[in-house]
Amino acid sequence: MSSLGSTKKFYQSKTFWVNILSAVGLVVQTQTGFIIDLSIQAIGLTVVNTGLRLITKEGLEA
């Protein structure tokens, strides 16, 4: 049991899906040639992950 109380499966995590979409976005960029500057991508992903972490109420199951 997590110190936050309840837990959920990893695939129910918004952070997991945001990071999967990020990986898909990287693949799309390499295939299409439409490249977003890496520093912009890193900052954006950091902000989104931090925001999701701040609103997270559940831990993940081990």
C-alpha atoms as a PDB file:
ATOM      1  CA  MET A   1       0.000   0.000   0.000  1.00  0.00           C
ATOM      2  CA  SER A   2       1.264   3.443  -0.868  1.00  0.00           C
ATOM      3  CA  SER A   3       1.840   6.187   1.665  1.00  0.00           C
ATOM      4  CA  LEU A   4      -0.742   8.186  -0.323  1.00  0.00           C
ATOM      5  CA  GLY A   5      -3.465   5.649   0.464  1.00  0.00           C
ATOM      6  CA  SER A   6      -4.987   4.002  -2.584  1.00  0.00           C
ATOM      7  CA  THR A   7      -3.089   2.651  -5.569  1.00  0.00           C
ATOM      8  CA  LYS A   8      -3.789   2.069  -9.255  1.00  0.00           C
ATOM      9  CA  LYS A   9      -2.341   0.068 -12.135  1.00  0.00           C
ATOM     10  CA  PHE A  10       0.414   1.789 -14.118  1.00  0.00           C
ATOM     11  CA  TYR A  11      -1.759   1.978 -17.251  1.00  0.00           C
ATOM     12  CA  GLN A  12      -4.302   4.094 -15.342  1.00  0.00           C
ATOM     13  CA  SER A  13      -1.673   6.778 -14.763  1.00  0.00           C
ATOM     14  CA  LYS A  14      -1.999  10.034 -16.704  1.00  0.00           C
ATOM     15  CA  THR A  15       1.760  10.494 -16.396  1.00  0.00           C
ATOM     16  CA  PHE A  16       2.355   7.128 -18.054  1.00  0.00           C
ATOM     17  CA  TRP A  17       0.161   8.062 -21.030  1.00  0.00           C
ATOM     18  CA  VAL A  18       1.679  11.538 -21.374  1.00  0.00           C
ATOM     19  CA  ASN A  19       5.122   9.949 -21.573  1.00  0.00           C
ATOM     20  CA  ILE A  20       3.913   7.356 -24.118  1.00  0.00           C
ATOM     21  CA  LEU A  21       2.498  10.207 -26.251  1.00  0.00           C
ATOM     22  CA  SER A  22       5.827  11.994 -25.904  1.00  0.00           C
ATOM     23  CA  ALA A  23       7.671   8.943 -27.236  1.00  0.00           C
ATOM     24  CA  VAL A  24       5.192   8.634 -30.121  1.00  0.00           C
ATOM     25  CA  GLY A  25       5.735  12.313 -30.858  1.00  0.00           C
ATOM     26  CA  LEU A  26       9.480  11.755 -31.106  1.00  0.00           C
ATOM     27  CA  VAL A  27       8.959   8.920 -33.590  1.00  0.00           C
ATOM     28  CA  VAL A  28       6.557  11.036 -35.650  1.00  0.00           C
ATOM     29  CA  GLN A  29       9.122  13.824 -35.744  1.00  0.00           C
ATOM     30  CA  THR A  30      11.830  11.520 -37.064  1.00  0.00           C
ATOM     31  CA  GLN A  31       9.493  10.137 -39.743  1.00  0.00           C
ATOM     32  CA  THR A  32       8.010  13.445 -40.935  1.00  0.00           C
ATOM     33  CA  GLY A  33      10.927  15.820 -40.535  1.00  0.00           C
ATOM     34  CA  PHE A  34       8.748  18.214 -38.504  1.00  0.00           C
ATOM     35  CA  ILE A  35      11.149  18.736 -35.617  1.00  0.00           C
ATOM     36  CA  ILE A  36      10.365  20.729 -32.498  1.00  0.00           C
ATOM     37  CA  ASP A  37      13.451  22.030 -30.712  1.00  0.00           C
ATOM     38  CA  LEU A  38      14.573  19.508 -28.075  1.00  0.00           C
ATOM     39  CA  SER A  39      14.837  22.128 -25.337  1.00  0.00           C
ATOM     40  CA  ILE A  40      11.199  23.158 -25.944  1.00  0.00           C
ATOM     41  CA  GLN A  41      10.137  19.500 -25.788  1.00  0.00           C
ATOM     42  CA  ALA A  42      12.066  18.924 -22.567  1.00  0.00           C
ATOM     43  CA  ILE A  43      10.627  22.020 -20.892  1.00  0.00           C
ATOM     44  CA  GLY A  44       7.087  21.144 -22.004  1.00  0.00           C
ATOM     45  CA  LEU A  45       7.316  17.561 -20.786  1.00  0.00           C
ATOM     46  CA  THR A  46       8.829  18.687 -17.484  1.00  0.00           C
ATOM     47  CA  VAL A  47       6.018  21.182 -16.902  1.00  0.00           C
ATOM     48  CA  VAL A  48       3.303  18.641 -17.769  1.00  0.00           C
ATOM     49  CA  ASN A  49       4.860  15.877 -15.637  1.00  0.00           C
ATOM     50  CA  THR A  50       5.291  18.264 -12.703  1.00  0.00           C
ATOM     51  CA  GLY A  51       1.685  19.412 -13.024  1.00  0.00           C
ATOM     52  CA  LEU A  52       0.454  15.834 -13.098  1.00  0.00           C
ATOM     53  CA  ARG A  53       2.598  14.990 -10.090  1.00  0.00           C
ATOM     54  CA  LEU A  54       1.077  17.881  -8.148  1.00  0.00           C
ATOM     55  CA  ILE A  55      -2.473  16.652  -8.753  1.00  0.00           C
ATOM     56  CA  THR A  56      -1.733  12.955  -8.205  1.00  0.00           C
ATOM     57  CA  LYS A  57      -3.705  11.470  -5.347  1.00  0.00           C
ATOM     58  CA  GLU A  58      -2.863   7.774  -5.809  1.00  0.00           C
ATOM     59  CA  GLY A  59       0.310   5.738  -5.915  1.00  0.00           C
ATOM     60  CA  LEU A  60       1.074   2.935  -8.372  1.00  0.00           C
ATOM     61  CA  GLU A  61       0.926  -0.740  -7.538  1.00  0.00           C
ATOM     62  CA  ALA A  62       4.280  -2.458  -7.337  1.00  0.00           C
END
